[in-house]
Amino acid sequence: MKSSASELSIGELAGEFGLAAHVLRHWEAEGVLEPARRSGDRRRYAPEQRVQVALVLQAQEAGLTLAQIRGVVSAPDGGSRRARLAEHLALLDERLERLRAAREMVAHVVSCGAEDFLECPRMREMLEASSTCPALHGRGRTPRERLPDALRPPAGTPCPGTGTRSGRHVVPDC
């Protein structure tokens, strides 16, 4: 049965985003979505709640968990929401730097002129750089700590090639 033009059923709202109704029920349980009202045992959503669903989907795409999204939407004001997202932005920037370095390494391997990329001097430098640069690894045990002693640079060795203004790794071609 189709609902009135001013309200949406859970199935109608979920369907507009290609979601199953149980996803919206889960979001309600997690505190990131609330129906406008209940009519008997049925949830009714106002058309404006499309924005809430879109926000949750975009936030998930940006890597936020439902708990983080709940923290953002339940923050007392815009400044608090902005501060929470600024923290996440810093984490995204770190992740992007790690991805950029990983992409650079894979792109080099694909185009490397060496018969065996494991023998390539540039590849070795890239691996060594990733083991010494805190921007290229996450929390916990660092890639540097996972390297065998023979490949591990001495403690305090700076990232090679980070003297540029951008701080990006500059490794010579092979």
C-alpha atoms as a PDB file:
ATOM      1  CA  MET A   1       0.000   0.000   0.000  1.00  0.00           C
ATOM      2  CA  LYS A   2       1.421   3.379  -1.046  1.00  0.00           C
ATOM      3  CA  SER A   3       1.783   5.996   1.677  1.00  0.00           C
ATOM      4  CA  SER A   4       0.625   9.595   1.490  1.00  0.00           C
ATOM      5  CA  ALA A   5       2.669  12.088  -0.511  1.00  0.00           C
ATOM      6  CA  SER A   6       3.879  13.792   2.671  1.00  0.00           C
ATOM      7  CA  GLU A   7       5.286  10.680   4.349  1.00  0.00           C
ATOM      8  CA  LEU A   8       7.290   7.650   3.319  1.00  0.00           C
ATOM      9  CA  SER A   9       7.200   4.113   4.623  1.00  0.00           C
ATOM     10  CA  ILE A  10      10.481   2.479   5.576  1.00  0.00           C
ATOM     11  CA  GLY A  11      10.377   0.432   2.376  1.00  0.00           C
ATOM     12  CA  GLU A  12       9.767   3.493   0.214  1.00  0.00           C
ATOM     13  CA  LEU A  13      12.593   5.469   1.802  1.00  0.00           C
ATOM     14  CA  ALA A  14      15.022   2.551   1.661  1.00  0.00           C
ATOM     15  CA  GLY A  15      14.009   1.790  -1.935  1.00  0.00           C
ATOM     16  CA  GLU A  16      14.847   5.314  -3.080  1.00  0.00           C
ATOM     17  CA  PHE A  17      18.475   4.607  -2.129  1.00  0.00           C
ATOM     18  CA  GLY A  18      18.585   0.980  -3.261  1.00  0.00           C
ATOM     19  CA  LEU A  19      18.705  -0.224   0.347  1.00  0.00           C
ATOM     20  CA  ALA A  20      16.798  -2.944   2.130  1.00  0.00           C
ATOM     21  CA  ALA A  21      14.444  -1.826   4.895  1.00  0.00           C
ATOM     22  CA  HIS A  22      16.465  -3.743   7.485  1.00  0.00           C
ATOM     23  CA  VAL A  23      19.402  -1.371   6.842  1.00  0.00           C
ATOM     24  CA  LEU A  24      17.318   1.607   7.988  1.00  0.00           C
ATOM     25  CA  ARG A  25      16.122  -0.377  11.015  1.00  0.00           C
ATOM     26  CA  HIS A  26      19.763  -1.066  11.872  1.00  0.00           C
ATOM     27  CA  TRP A  27      20.635   2.617  11.495  1.00  0.00           C
ATOM     28  CA  GLU A  28      17.773   3.460  13.858  1.00  0.00           C
ATOM     29  CA  ALA A  29      19.137   0.975  16.412  1.00  0.00           C
ATOM     30  CA  GLU A  30      22.581   2.591  16.028  1.00  0.00           C
ATOM     31  CA  GLY A  31      21.149   6.080  16.569  1.00  0.00           C
ATOM     32  CA  VAL A  32      21.941   7.609  13.176  1.00  0.00           C
ATOM     33  CA  LEU A  33      18.376   7.749  11.828  1.00  0.00           C
ATOM     34  CA  GLU A  34      15.058   8.355  13.500  1.00  0.00           C
ATOM     35  CA  PRO A  35      11.612   8.092  11.927  1.00  0.00           C
ATOM     36  CA  ALA A  36       9.548  11.265  11.912  1.00  0.00           C
ATOM     37  CA  ARG A  37       6.808   9.385  13.735  1.00  0.00           C
ATOM     38  CA  ARG A  38       5.286   5.991  14.209  1.00  0.00           C
ATOM     39  CA  SER A  39       1.794   5.105  13.170  1.00  0.00           C
ATOM     40  CA  GLY A  40       0.927   2.011  15.128  1.00  0.00           C
ATOM     41  CA  ASP A  41       3.867  -0.311  14.649  1.00  0.00           C
ATOM     42  CA  ARG A  42       4.879   1.319  11.360  1.00  0.00           C
ATOM     43  CA  ARG A  43       7.626   3.876  10.884  1.00  0.00           C
ATOM     44  CA  ARG A  44       6.772   6.988   8.910  1.00  0.00           C
ATOM     45  CA  TYR A  45       9.482   9.192   7.444  1.00  0.00           C
ATOM     46  CA  ALA A  46       9.201  12.800   6.370  1.00  0.00           C
ATOM     47  CA  PRO A  47      10.614  13.591   2.913  1.00  0.00           C
ATOM     48  CA  GLU A  48      13.373  15.647   4.585  1.00  0.00           C
ATOM     49  CA  GLN A  49      14.760  12.437   6.067  1.00  0.00           C
ATOM     50  CA  ARG A  50      16.122  11.605   2.637  1.00  0.00           C
ATOM     51  CA  VAL A  51      18.907  14.026   3.563  1.00  0.00           C
ATOM     52  CA  GLN A  52      19.671  11.997   6.708  1.00  0.00           C
ATOM     53  CA  VAL A  53      19.933   8.782   4.684  1.00  0.00           C
ATOM     54  CA  ALA A  54      22.132  10.516   2.102  1.00  0.00           C
ATOM     55  CA  LEU A  55      24.331  11.863   4.927  1.00  0.00           C
ATOM     56  CA  VAL A  56      24.823   8.398   6.418  1.00  0.00           C
ATOM     57  CA  LEU A  57      25.660   6.911   3.019  1.00  0.00           C
ATOM     58  CA  GLN A  58      28.148   9.697   2.201  1.00  0.00           C
ATOM     59  CA  ALA A  59      29.731   9.478   5.648  1.00  0.00           C
ATOM     60  CA  GLN A  60      30.158   5.714   5.251  1.00  0.00           C
ATOM     61  CA  GLU A  61      31.716   6.301   1.846  1.00  0.00           C
ATOM     62  CA  ALA A  62      34.153   8.684   3.558  1.00  0.00           C
ATOM     63  CA  GLY A  63      35.101   5.874   5.941  1.00  0.00           C
ATOM     64  CA  LEU A  64      33.155   6.827   9.052  1.00  0.00           C
ATOM     65  CA  THR A  65      31.681   4.045  11.145  1.00  0.00           C
ATOM     66  CA  LEU A  66      28.088   4.228  12.342  1.00  0.00           C
ATOM     67  CA  ALA A  67      29.392   5.095  15.826  1.00  0.00           C
ATOM     68  CA  GLN A  68      31.383   8.001  14.356  1.00  0.00           C
ATOM     69  CA  ILE A  69      28.382   9.134  12.322  1.00  0.00           C
ATOM     70  CA  ARG A  70      26.243   9.015  15.473  1.00  0.00           C
ATOM     71  CA  GLY A  71      28.856  11.204  17.188  1.00  0.00           C
ATOM     72  CA  VAL A  72      28.710  13.721  14.374  1.00  0.00           C
ATOM     73  CA  VAL A  73      24.921  13.912  14.063  1.00  0.00           C
ATOM     74  CA  SER A  74      24.384  13.981  17.829  1.00  0.00           C
ATOM     75  CA  ALA A  75      27.026  16.672  18.446  1.00  0.00           C
ATOM     76  CA  PRO A  76      25.488  19.698  20.147  1.00  0.00           C
ATOM     77  CA  ASP A  77      26.350  22.253  17.465  1.00  0.00           C
ATOM     78  CA  GLY A  78      27.968  22.887  14.115  1.00  0.00           C
ATOM     79  CA  GLY A  79      31.363  23.642  15.650  1.00  0.00           C
ATOM     80  CA  SER A  80      31.417  20.308  17.463  1.00  0.00           C
ATOM     81  CA  ARG A  81      30.399  18.479  14.296  1.00  0.00           C
ATOM     82  CA  ARG A  82      33.138  20.290  12.382  1.00  0.00           C
ATOM     83  CA  ALA A  83      35.739  19.333  15.015  1.00  0.00           C
ATOM     84  CA  ARG A  84      34.790  15.653  14.815  1.00  0.00           C
ATOM     85  CA  LEU A  85      35.031  15.717  11.050  1.00  0.00           C
ATOM     86  CA  ALA A  86      38.378  17.549  11.187  1.00  0.00           C
ATOM     87  CA  GLU A  87      39.772  14.615  13.188  1.00  0.00           C
ATOM     88  CA  HIS A  88      38.504  12.213  10.549  1.00  0.00           C
ATOM     89  CA  LEU A  89      39.928  14.399   7.780  1.00  0.00           C
ATOM     90  CA  ALA A  90      43.395  14.068   9.321  1.00  0.00           C
ATOM     91  CA  LEU A  91      43.015  10.276   9.322  1.00  0.00           C
ATOM     92  CA  LEU A  92      41.881  10.341   5.690  1.00  0.00           C
ATOM     93  CA  ASP A  93      44.922  12.424   4.758  1.00  0.00           C
ATOM     94  CA  GLU A  94      47.200   9.861   6.404  1.00  0.00           C
ATOM     95  CA  ARG A  95      45.431   7.033   4.584  1.00  0.00           C
ATOM     96  CA  LEU A  96      45.704   8.897   1.280  1.00  0.00           C
ATOM     97  CA  GLU A  97      49.446   9.312   1.729  1.00  0.00           C
ATOM     98  CA  ARG A  98      49.836   5.587   2.388  1.00  0.00           C
ATOM     99  CA  LEU A  99      47.703   4.793  -0.667  1.00  0.00           C
ATOM    100  CA  ARG A 100      49.684   7.237  -2.812  1.00  0.00           C
ATOM    101  CA  ALA A 101      52.933   5.559  -1.796  1.00  0.00           C
ATOM    102  CA  ALA A 102      51.482   2.087  -2.416  1.00  0.00           C
ATOM    103  CA  ARG A 103      50.193   3.151  -5.829  1.00  0.00           C
ATOM    104  CA  GLU A 104      53.554   4.666  -6.720  1.00  0.00           C
ATOM    105  CA  MET A 105      55.295   1.420  -5.801  1.00  0.00           C
ATOM    106  CA  VAL A 106      52.883  -0.778  -7.780  1.00  0.00           C
ATOM    107  CA  ALA A 107      53.062   1.567 -10.797  1.00  0.00           C
ATOM    108  CA  HIS A 108      56.839   1.324 -10.689  1.00  0.00           C
ATOM    109  CA  VAL A 109      56.746  -2.478 -10.530  1.00  0.00           C
ATOM    110  CA  VAL A 110      54.434  -2.602 -13.549  1.00  0.00           C
ATOM    111  CA  SER A 111      56.719  -0.387 -15.624  1.00  0.00           C
ATOM    112  CA  CYS A 112      60.105  -1.380 -14.137  1.00  0.00           C
ATOM    113  CA  GLY A 113      62.793  -2.181 -16.678  1.00  0.00           C
ATOM    114  CA  ALA A 114      64.616  -4.550 -14.336  1.00  0.00           C
ATOM    115  CA  GLU A 115      64.281  -8.245 -15.124  1.00  0.00           C
ATOM    116  CA  ASP A 116      63.196  -8.826 -11.513  1.00  0.00           C
ATOM    117  CA  PHE A 117      61.717  -5.859  -9.680  1.00  0.00           C
ATOM    118  CA  LEU A 118      63.087  -7.249  -6.419  1.00  0.00           C
ATOM    119  CA  GLU A 119      66.544  -6.478  -7.815  1.00  0.00           C
ATOM    120  CA  CYS A 120      65.595  -2.911  -8.812  1.00  0.00           C
ATOM    121  CA  PRO A 121      67.460  -0.197  -6.849  1.00  0.00           C
ATOM    122  CA  ARG A 122      64.498   2.188  -7.039  1.00  0.00           C
ATOM    123  CA  MET A 123      62.144  -0.469  -5.675  1.00  0.00           C
ATOM    124  CA  ARG A 124      64.537  -1.109  -2.794  1.00  0.00           C
ATOM    125  CA  GLU A 125      64.680   2.629  -2.031  1.00  0.00           C
ATOM    126  CA  MET A 126      60.895   2.852  -2.124  1.00  0.00           C
ATOM    127  CA  LEU A 127      60.620  -0.034   0.317  1.00  0.00           C
ATOM    128  CA  GLU A 128      63.218   1.506   2.594  1.00  0.00           C
ATOM    129  CA  ALA A 129      61.459   4.881   2.439  1.00  0.00           C
ATOM    130  CA  SER A 130      58.146   3.311   3.418  1.00  0.00           C
ATOM    131  CA  SER A 131      59.815   1.700   6.416  1.00  0.00           C
ATOM    132  CA  THR A 132      61.147   4.980   7.815  1.00  0.00           C
ATOM    133  CA  CYS A 133      58.359   7.437   7.143  1.00  0.00           C
ATOM    134  CA  PRO A 134      55.633   7.697   9.816  1.00  0.00           C
ATOM    135  CA  ALA A 135      53.223   9.178   7.236  1.00  0.00           C
ATOM    136  CA  LEU A 136      53.308   5.941   5.281  1.00  0.00           C
ATOM    137  CA  HIS A 137      52.185   3.574   7.995  1.00  0.00           C
ATOM    138  CA  GLY A 138      49.322   3.383  10.420  1.00  0.00           C
ATOM    139  CA  ARG A 139      49.260   2.773  14.112  1.00  0.00           C
ATOM    140  CA  GLY A 140      50.802  -0.203  15.848  1.00  0.00           C
ATOM    141  CA  ARG A 141      53.820  -2.048  14.603  1.00  0.00           C
ATOM    142  CA  THR A 142      55.408  -0.059  11.814  1.00  0.00           C
ATOM    143  CA  PRO A 143      56.566  -1.460   8.485  1.00  0.00           C
ATOM    144  CA  ARG A 144      60.072  -0.484   9.602  1.00  0.00           C
ATOM    145  CA  GLU A 145      59.766  -2.805  12.589  1.00  0.00           C
ATOM    146  CA  ARG A 146      58.571  -5.624  10.326  1.00  0.00           C
ATOM    147  CA  LEU A 147      61.596  -5.370   8.016  1.00  0.00           C
ATOM    148  CA  PRO A 148      64.434  -7.842   8.417  1.00  0.00           C
ATOM    149  CA  ASP A 149      67.529  -6.310  10.055  1.00  0.00           C
ATOM    150  CA  ALA A 150      69.420  -6.340   6.750  1.00  0.00           C
ATOM    151  CA  LEU A 151      66.895  -3.961   5.177  1.00  0.00           C
ATOM    152  CA  ARG A 152      66.077  -1.858   8.231  1.00  0.00           C
ATOM    153  CA  PRO A 153      67.678   1.608   8.126  1.00  0.00           C
ATOM    154  CA  PRO A 154      69.219   2.854  11.373  1.00  0.00           C
ATOM    155  CA  ALA A 155      66.842   4.472  13.847  1.00  0.00           C
ATOM    156  CA  GLY A 156      66.291   8.133  13.118  1.00  0.00           C
ATOM    157  CA  THR A 157      67.080   7.823   9.409  1.00  0.00           C
ATOM    158  CA  PRO A 158      64.931  10.449   7.667  1.00  0.00           C
ATOM    159  CA  CYS A 159      62.698   9.605   4.767  1.00  0.00           C
ATOM    160  CA  PRO A 160      64.779   9.835   1.604  1.00  0.00           C
ATOM    161  CA  GLY A 161      63.798  12.669  -0.680  1.00  0.00           C
ATOM    162  CA  THR A 162      61.446  14.498   1.672  1.00  0.00           C
ATOM    163  CA  GLY A 163      63.327  17.769   1.410  1.00  0.00           C
ATOM    164  CA  THR A 164      60.814  19.092  -1.092  1.00  0.00           C
ATOM    165  CA  ARG A 165      58.157  21.603  -0.087  1.00  0.00           C
ATOM    166  CA  SER A 166      55.433  19.025  -0.576  1.00  0.00           C
ATOM    167  CA  GLY A 167      57.208  16.468   1.603  1.00  0.00           C
ATOM    168  CA  ARG A 168      56.590  13.783  -1.015  1.00  0.00           C
ATOM    169  CA  HIS A 169      59.082  11.046  -1.507  1.00  0.00           C
ATOM    170  CA  VAL A 170      61.399  11.613  -4.440  1.00  0.00           C
ATOM    171  CA  VAL A 171      63.194   8.433  -5.454  1.00  0.00           C
ATOM    172  CA  PRO A 172      65.491   8.283  -8.491  1.00  0.00           C
ATOM    173  CA  ASP A 173      64.469   6.301 -11.545  1.00  0.00           C
ATOM    174  CA  CYS A 174      66.037   2.891 -12.044  1.00  0.00           C
END
